[in-house]
Amino acid sequence: MSTIVTPARKPAFSPLRLDERSVAWRVGAVVLGSLFLALSSYIEVPMVPVPVTMQTFAVTLVGALYGWRLGALTIVAWLVEGASGLPVLAGGDAGLHHFFGPTAGYLFAFPLCGALVGWLAERGWNGSRVLLAFAAMLAGNLLCLLLGTAWLAAVIGIEKAFAFGFAPFVLGGLLKSALGAATLMALRGKAGTPRP
């Protein structure tokens, strides 16, 4: 009786090749990724009750570049840093209270968004197909908005949550998705991946 062994599925898009690196490299990637996420939090347009930041851009990009598992782990590490008091959340804020207030739904959505975009990128929704990359980034942004708004609705009511926690962020989500797709396309070219 013969056994058929199928090789493990490799991500379709991995410009950083983290799946081929040692544990030390991956730990370093988590540290650098959480630093990138923290820096994106400082790019902020203050709004009430939820500020506009570059966090969703960074979250979706980390997911796409790191893959769904390591991407989600990196985002969780960044959130743990913020919860423990490091100034890495929006505007350099920190503290556990953010995970119970109006922004909690968005914060808890971030690892899921990164994982979704990473999963899609590994299946070809990446820099090799710019429209699919845009769709993946948009899906991540939309998931964040939906989950964040759902939490916010429980805090301030559905009409206010839609008016203050969803509608003002739609245009930004579209622009950040386009920027994310363009970044993936540029990184694909830098990585020297052959074009189809």
C-alpha atoms as a PDB file:
ATOM      1  CA  MET A   1       0.000   0.000   0.000  1.00  0.00           C
ATOM      2  CA  SER A   2       1.449   3.343  -1.021  1.00  0.00           C
ATOM      3  CA  THR A   3       1.010   6.606   0.848  1.00  0.00           C
ATOM      4  CA  ILE A   4       0.587   9.866  -0.974  1.00  0.00           C
ATOM      5  CA  VAL A   5       2.238  12.766   0.798  1.00  0.00           C
ATOM      6  CA  THR A   6       1.174  16.227  -0.237  1.00  0.00           C
ATOM      7  CA  PRO A   7       3.528  19.096   0.480  1.00  0.00           C
ATOM      8  CA  ALA A   8       2.448  21.739   2.966  1.00  0.00           C
ATOM      9  CA  ARG A   9       0.692  24.651   1.332  1.00  0.00           C
ATOM     10  CA  LYS A  10       2.981  27.685   1.152  1.00  0.00           C
ATOM     11  CA  PRO A  11       1.544  31.191   1.111  1.00  0.00           C
ATOM     12  CA  ALA A  12       1.051  32.518  -2.411  1.00  0.00           C
ATOM     13  CA  PHE A  13       2.499  35.870  -1.393  1.00  0.00           C
ATOM     14  CA  SER A  14       5.222  36.215   1.181  1.00  0.00           C
ATOM     15  CA  PRO A  15       7.658  39.025   0.370  1.00  0.00           C
ATOM     16  CA  LEU A  16       9.136  38.836   3.880  1.00  0.00           C
ATOM     17  CA  ARG A  17       9.411  35.017   3.681  1.00  0.00           C
ATOM     18  CA  LEU A  18       8.688  34.762   7.400  1.00  0.00           C
ATOM     19  CA  ASP A  19       7.436  31.193   6.973  1.00  0.00           C
ATOM     20  CA  GLU A  20      11.012  30.223   6.032  1.00  0.00           C
ATOM     21  CA  ARG A  21      12.707  32.087   8.898  1.00  0.00           C
ATOM     22  CA  SER A  22      13.835  30.947  12.326  1.00  0.00           C
ATOM     23  CA  VAL A  23      11.850  31.539  15.512  1.00  0.00           C
ATOM     24  CA  ALA A  24      14.209  34.419  16.391  1.00  0.00           C
ATOM     25  CA  TRP A  25      13.376  36.117  13.072  1.00  0.00           C
ATOM     26  CA  ARG A  26       9.673  35.682  13.701  1.00  0.00           C
ATOM     27  CA  VAL A  27       9.945  37.114  17.213  1.00  0.00           C
ATOM     28  CA  GLY A  28      11.834  40.070  15.736  1.00  0.00           C
ATOM     29  CA  ALA A  29       9.081  40.470  13.139  1.00  0.00           C
ATOM     30  CA  VAL A  30       6.444  40.563  15.899  1.00  0.00           C
ATOM     31  CA  VAL A  31       8.427  43.265  17.721  1.00  0.00           C
ATOM     32  CA  LEU A  32       8.891  45.333  14.546  1.00  0.00           C
ATOM     33  CA  GLY A  33       5.264  44.809  13.531  1.00  0.00           C
ATOM     34  CA  SER A  34       3.983  45.968  16.921  1.00  0.00           C
ATOM     35  CA  LEU A  35       6.257  49.031  16.634  1.00  0.00           C
ATOM     36  CA  PHE A  36       4.788  49.776  13.184  1.00  0.00           C
ATOM     37  CA  LEU A  37       1.287  49.434  14.634  1.00  0.00           C
ATOM     38  CA  ALA A  38       2.201  51.775  17.507  1.00  0.00           C
ATOM     39  CA  LEU A  39       3.617  54.385  15.121  1.00  0.00           C
ATOM     40  CA  SER A  40       0.476  54.205  12.985  1.00  0.00           C
ATOM     41  CA  SER A  41      -1.538  55.046  16.101  1.00  0.00           C
ATOM     42  CA  TYR A  42       0.187  58.420  16.376  1.00  0.00           C
ATOM     43  CA  ILE A  43      -1.098  59.490  12.943  1.00  0.00           C
ATOM     44  CA  GLU A  44      -4.458  60.696  14.171  1.00  0.00           C
ATOM     45  CA  VAL A  45      -7.336  63.019  13.364  1.00  0.00           C
ATOM     46  CA  PRO A  46      -9.206  63.525  16.661  1.00  0.00           C
ATOM     47  CA  MET A  47     -12.928  62.722  16.445  1.00  0.00           C
ATOM     48  CA  VAL A  48     -15.512  61.790  19.053  1.00  0.00           C
ATOM     49  CA  PRO A  49     -16.078  59.077  20.167  1.00  0.00           C
ATOM     50  CA  VAL A  50     -13.567  57.272  17.887  1.00  0.00           C
ATOM     51  CA  PRO A  51     -10.500  58.990  16.374  1.00  0.00           C
ATOM     52  CA  VAL A  52      -9.375  58.473  12.768  1.00  0.00           C
ATOM     53  CA  THR A  53      -5.930  56.860  12.729  1.00  0.00           C
ATOM     54  CA  MET A  54      -3.737  54.870  10.365  1.00  0.00           C
ATOM     55  CA  GLN A  55      -4.216  51.816  12.582  1.00  0.00           C
ATOM     56  CA  THR A  56      -6.468  49.938  10.168  1.00  0.00           C
ATOM     57  CA  PHE A  57      -3.955  50.536   7.368  1.00  0.00           C
ATOM     58  CA  ALA A  58      -1.211  49.058   9.559  1.00  0.00           C
ATOM     59  CA  VAL A  59      -3.401  46.191  10.794  1.00  0.00           C
ATOM     60  CA  THR A  60      -4.368  45.107   7.280  1.00  0.00           C
ATOM     61  CA  LEU A  61      -0.811  45.512   5.973  1.00  0.00           C
ATOM     62  CA  VAL A  62       0.667  43.449   8.824  1.00  0.00           C
ATOM     63  CA  GLY A  63      -1.921  40.758   8.121  1.00  0.00           C
ATOM     64  CA  ALA A  64      -1.106  40.709   4.407  1.00  0.00           C
ATOM     65  CA  LEU A  65       2.678  40.697   4.874  1.00  0.00           C
ATOM     66  CA  TYR A  66       2.920  38.365   7.865  1.00  0.00           C
ATOM     67  CA  GLY A  67       0.172  35.892   6.989  1.00  0.00           C
ATOM     68  CA  TRP A  68      -2.932  35.273   9.019  1.00  0.00           C
ATOM     69  CA  ARG A  69      -1.343  33.487  11.991  1.00  0.00           C
ATOM     70  CA  LEU A  70       1.726  35.635  12.626  1.00  0.00           C
ATOM     71  CA  GLY A  71      -0.185  38.769  11.629  1.00  0.00           C
ATOM     72  CA  ALA A  72      -2.915  38.154  14.200  1.00  0.00           C
ATOM     73  CA  LEU A  73      -0.302  37.272  16.834  1.00  0.00           C
ATOM     74  CA  THR A  74       1.564  40.528  16.142  1.00  0.00           C
ATOM     75  CA  ILE A  75      -1.621  42.559  16.465  1.00  0.00           C
ATOM     76  CA  VAL A  76      -2.521  40.806  19.730  1.00  0.00           C
ATOM     77  CA  ALA A  77       0.994  41.545  21.055  1.00  0.00           C
ATOM     78  CA  TRP A  78       0.494  45.243  20.243  1.00  0.00           C
ATOM     79  CA  LEU A  79      -2.892  45.281  21.998  1.00  0.00           C
ATOM     80  CA  VAL A  80      -1.395  43.595  25.078  1.00  0.00           C
ATOM     81  CA  GLU A  81       1.295  46.301  25.103  1.00  0.00           C
ATOM     82  CA  GLY A  82      -1.434  48.964  25.066  1.00  0.00           C
ATOM     83  CA  ALA A  83      -3.509  47.244  27.745  1.00  0.00           C
ATOM     84  CA  SER A  84      -0.450  46.943  29.995  1.00  0.00           C
ATOM     85  CA  GLY A  85       0.223  50.682  29.881  1.00  0.00           C
ATOM     86  CA  LEU A  86       2.637  51.243  27.008  1.00  0.00           C
ATOM     87  CA  PRO A  87       1.675  54.347  24.958  1.00  0.00           C
ATOM     88  CA  VAL A  88       0.923  52.487  21.720  1.00  0.00           C
ATOM     89  CA  LEU A  89      -2.800  53.085  21.176  1.00  0.00           C
ATOM     90  CA  ALA A  90      -4.434  56.004  19.328  1.00  0.00           C
ATOM     91  CA  GLY A  91      -2.583  59.239  20.013  1.00  0.00           C
ATOM     92  CA  GLY A  92      -0.106  57.510  22.314  1.00  0.00           C
ATOM     93  CA  ASP A  93      -2.791  56.495  24.774  1.00  0.00           C
ATOM     94  CA  ALA A  94      -2.678  53.343  26.890  1.00  0.00           C
ATOM     95  CA  GLY A  95      -4.551  51.420  29.531  1.00  0.00           C
ATOM     96  CA  LEU A  96      -6.987  48.613  30.065  1.00  0.00           C
ATOM     97  CA  HIS A  97      -9.977  50.996  30.183  1.00  0.00           C
ATOM     98  CA  HIS A  98      -9.821  51.375  26.363  1.00  0.00           C
ATOM     99  CA  PHE A  99     -10.855  47.723  26.088  1.00  0.00           C
ATOM    100  CA  PHE A 100     -14.150  48.467  27.853  1.00  0.00           C
ATOM    101  CA  GLY A 101     -15.013  51.912  26.437  1.00  0.00           C
ATOM    102  CA  PRO A 102     -16.378  53.103  23.082  1.00  0.00           C
ATOM    103  CA  THR A 103     -13.300  51.981  21.119  1.00  0.00           C
ATOM    104  CA  ALA A 104     -13.228  48.427  22.500  1.00  0.00           C
ATOM    105  CA  GLY A 105     -15.079  46.892  19.548  1.00  0.00           C
ATOM    106  CA  TYR A 106     -12.533  48.282  17.099  1.00  0.00           C
ATOM    107  CA  LEU A 107      -9.594  47.124  19.234  1.00  0.00           C
ATOM    108  CA  PHE A 108     -10.941  43.582  19.556  1.00  0.00           C
ATOM    109  CA  ALA A 109     -11.699  43.559  15.823  1.00  0.00           C
ATOM    110  CA  PHE A 110      -8.103  44.342  14.824  1.00  0.00           C
ATOM    111  CA  PRO A 111      -6.658  40.795  15.162  1.00  0.00           C
ATOM    112  CA  LEU A 112      -9.630  39.383  13.243  1.00  0.00           C
ATOM    113  CA  CYS A 113      -9.165  41.967  10.476  1.00  0.00           C
ATOM    114  CA  GLY A 114      -5.452  41.222  10.198  1.00  0.00           C
ATOM    115  CA  ALA A 115      -6.148  37.493  10.126  1.00  0.00           C
ATOM    116  CA  LEU A 116      -8.800  37.904   7.421  1.00  0.00           C
ATOM    117  CA  VAL A 117      -6.525  39.985   5.185  1.00  0.00           C
ATOM    118  CA  GLY A 118      -3.606  37.599   5.795  1.00  0.00           C
ATOM    119  CA  TRP A 119      -5.742  34.593   4.933  1.00  0.00           C
ATOM    120  CA  LEU A 120      -6.934  36.251   1.719  1.00  0.00           C
ATOM    121  CA  ALA A 121      -3.389  37.353   0.793  1.00  0.00           C
ATOM    122  CA  GLU A 122      -2.147  33.788   1.191  1.00  0.00           C
ATOM    123  CA  ARG A 123      -4.805  32.731  -1.319  1.00  0.00           C
ATOM    124  CA  GLY A 124      -3.822  35.205  -4.008  1.00  0.00           C
ATOM    125  CA  TRP A 125      -5.602  38.391  -2.897  1.00  0.00           C
ATOM    126  CA  ASN A 126      -2.316  40.260  -2.793  1.00  0.00           C
ATOM    127  CA  GLY A 127       0.141  42.401  -4.747  1.00  0.00           C
ATOM    128  CA  SER A 128       0.046  40.049  -7.733  1.00  0.00           C
ATOM    129  CA  ARG A 129      -3.582  41.015  -8.302  1.00  0.00           C
ATOM    130  CA  VAL A 130      -4.064  44.615  -7.292  1.00  0.00           C
ATOM    131  CA  LEU A 131      -7.884  44.591  -7.470  1.00  0.00           C
ATOM    132  CA  LEU A 132      -8.051  41.515  -5.242  1.00  0.00           C
ATOM    133  CA  ALA A 133      -5.513  43.133  -2.892  1.00  0.00           C
ATOM    134  CA  PHE A 134      -7.774  46.183  -2.688  1.00  0.00           C
ATOM    135  CA  ALA A 135     -10.778  43.919  -2.030  1.00  0.00           C
ATOM    136  CA  ALA A 136      -8.870  42.106   0.754  1.00  0.00           C
ATOM    137  CA  MET A 137      -7.869  45.389   2.388  1.00  0.00           C
ATOM    138  CA  LEU A 138     -11.419  46.691   2.042  1.00  0.00           C
ATOM    139  CA  ALA A 139     -12.805  43.503   3.614  1.00  0.00           C
ATOM    140  CA  GLY A 140     -10.483  44.005   6.596  1.00  0.00           C
ATOM    141  CA  ASN A 141     -11.494  47.655   6.982  1.00  0.00           C
ATOM    142  CA  LEU A 142     -15.185  46.799   6.646  1.00  0.00           C
ATOM    143  CA  LEU A 143     -14.957  44.014   9.230  1.00  0.00           C
ATOM    144  CA  CYS A 144     -13.338  46.450  11.647  1.00  0.00           C
ATOM    145  CA  LEU A 145     -16.056  49.036  11.057  1.00  0.00           C
ATOM    146  CA  LEU A 146     -18.868  46.510  11.458  1.00  0.00           C
ATOM    147  CA  LEU A 147     -17.545  44.986  14.679  1.00  0.00           C
ATOM    148  CA  GLY A 148     -16.536  48.344  16.127  1.00  0.00           C
ATOM    149  CA  THR A 149     -19.898  49.889  15.304  1.00  0.00           C
ATOM    150  CA  ALA A 150     -21.758  46.914  16.782  1.00  0.00           C
ATOM    151  CA  TRP A 151     -19.939  47.406  20.103  1.00  0.00           C
ATOM    152  CA  LEU A 152     -20.468  51.170  19.935  1.00  0.00           C
ATOM    153  CA  ALA A 153     -24.193  50.625  19.301  1.00  0.00           C
ATOM    154  CA  ALA A 154     -24.418  48.755  22.596  1.00  0.00           C
ATOM    155  CA  VAL A 155     -22.823  51.773  24.316  1.00  0.00           C
ATOM    156  CA  ILE A 156     -24.532  54.766  22.639  1.00  0.00           C
ATOM    157  CA  GLY A 157     -27.341  53.309  20.504  1.00  0.00           C
ATOM    158  CA  ILE A 158     -27.450  52.154  16.888  1.00  0.00           C
ATOM    159  CA  GLU A 159     -28.287  55.480  15.219  1.00  0.00           C
ATOM    160  CA  LYS A 160     -25.511  57.388  16.988  1.00  0.00           C
ATOM    161  CA  ALA A 161     -23.098  54.494  16.459  1.00  0.00           C
ATOM    162  CA  PHE A 162     -23.743  54.541  12.718  1.00  0.00           C
ATOM    163  CA  ALA A 163     -23.484  58.343  12.565  1.00  0.00           C
ATOM    164  CA  PHE A 164     -20.304  58.623  14.661  1.00  0.00           C
ATOM    165  CA  GLY A 165     -18.646  55.213  14.413  1.00  0.00           C
ATOM    166  CA  PHE A 166     -19.303  54.026  10.861  1.00  0.00           C
ATOM    167  CA  ALA A 167     -20.273  56.677   8.305  1.00  0.00           C
ATOM    168  CA  PRO A 168     -17.330  59.071   8.946  1.00  0.00           C
ATOM    169  CA  PHE A 169     -14.834  56.247   8.428  1.00  0.00           C
ATOM    170  CA  VAL A 170     -16.055  54.825   5.108  1.00  0.00           C
ATOM    171  CA  LEU A 171     -14.064  57.201   2.890  1.00  0.00           C
ATOM    172  CA  GLY A 172     -10.951  56.706   5.024  1.00  0.00           C
ATOM    173  CA  GLY A 173     -11.393  52.938   4.763  1.00  0.00           C
ATOM    174  CA  LEU A 174     -11.548  53.162   0.978  1.00  0.00           C
ATOM    175  CA  LEU A 175      -8.430  55.361   0.831  1.00  0.00           C
ATOM    176  CA  LYS A 176      -6.483  53.163   3.281  1.00  0.00           C
ATOM    177  CA  SER A 177      -7.496  50.070   1.293  1.00  0.00           C
ATOM    178  CA  ALA A 178      -6.180  51.652  -1.916  1.00  0.00           C
ATOM    179  CA  LEU A 179      -2.949  52.639  -0.160  1.00  0.00           C
ATOM    180  CA  GLY A 180      -2.588  49.120   1.243  1.00  0.00           C
ATOM    181  CA  ALA A 181      -3.097  47.521  -2.170  1.00  0.00           C
ATOM    182  CA  ALA A 182      -0.578  49.923  -3.739  1.00  0.00           C
ATOM    183  CA  THR A 183       1.924  49.111  -0.968  1.00  0.00           C
ATOM    184  CA  LEU A 184       1.526  45.373  -1.572  1.00  0.00           C
ATOM    185  CA  MET A 185       2.002  45.880  -5.293  1.00  0.00           C
ATOM    186  CA  ALA A 186       5.164  47.939  -4.691  1.00  0.00           C
ATOM    187  CA  LEU A 187       6.541  45.374  -2.240  1.00  0.00           C
ATOM    188  CA  ARG A 188       5.841  42.594  -4.700  1.00  0.00           C
ATOM    189  CA  GLY A 189       7.962  44.396  -7.288  1.00  0.00           C
ATOM    190  CA  LYS A 190      10.781  44.980  -4.753  1.00  0.00           C
ATOM    191  CA  ALA A 191      10.732  41.325  -3.732  1.00  0.00           C
ATOM    192  CA  GLY A 192      11.467  40.368  -7.312  1.00  0.00           C
ATOM    193  CA  THR A 193       8.480  38.059  -7.575  1.00  0.00           C
ATOM    194  CA  PRO A 194       7.988  37.131 -11.205  1.00  0.00           C
ATOM    195  CA  ARG A 195       4.954  38.741 -12.772  1.00  0.00           C
ATOM    196  CA  PRO A 196       2.373  36.492 -14.485  1.00  0.00           C
END
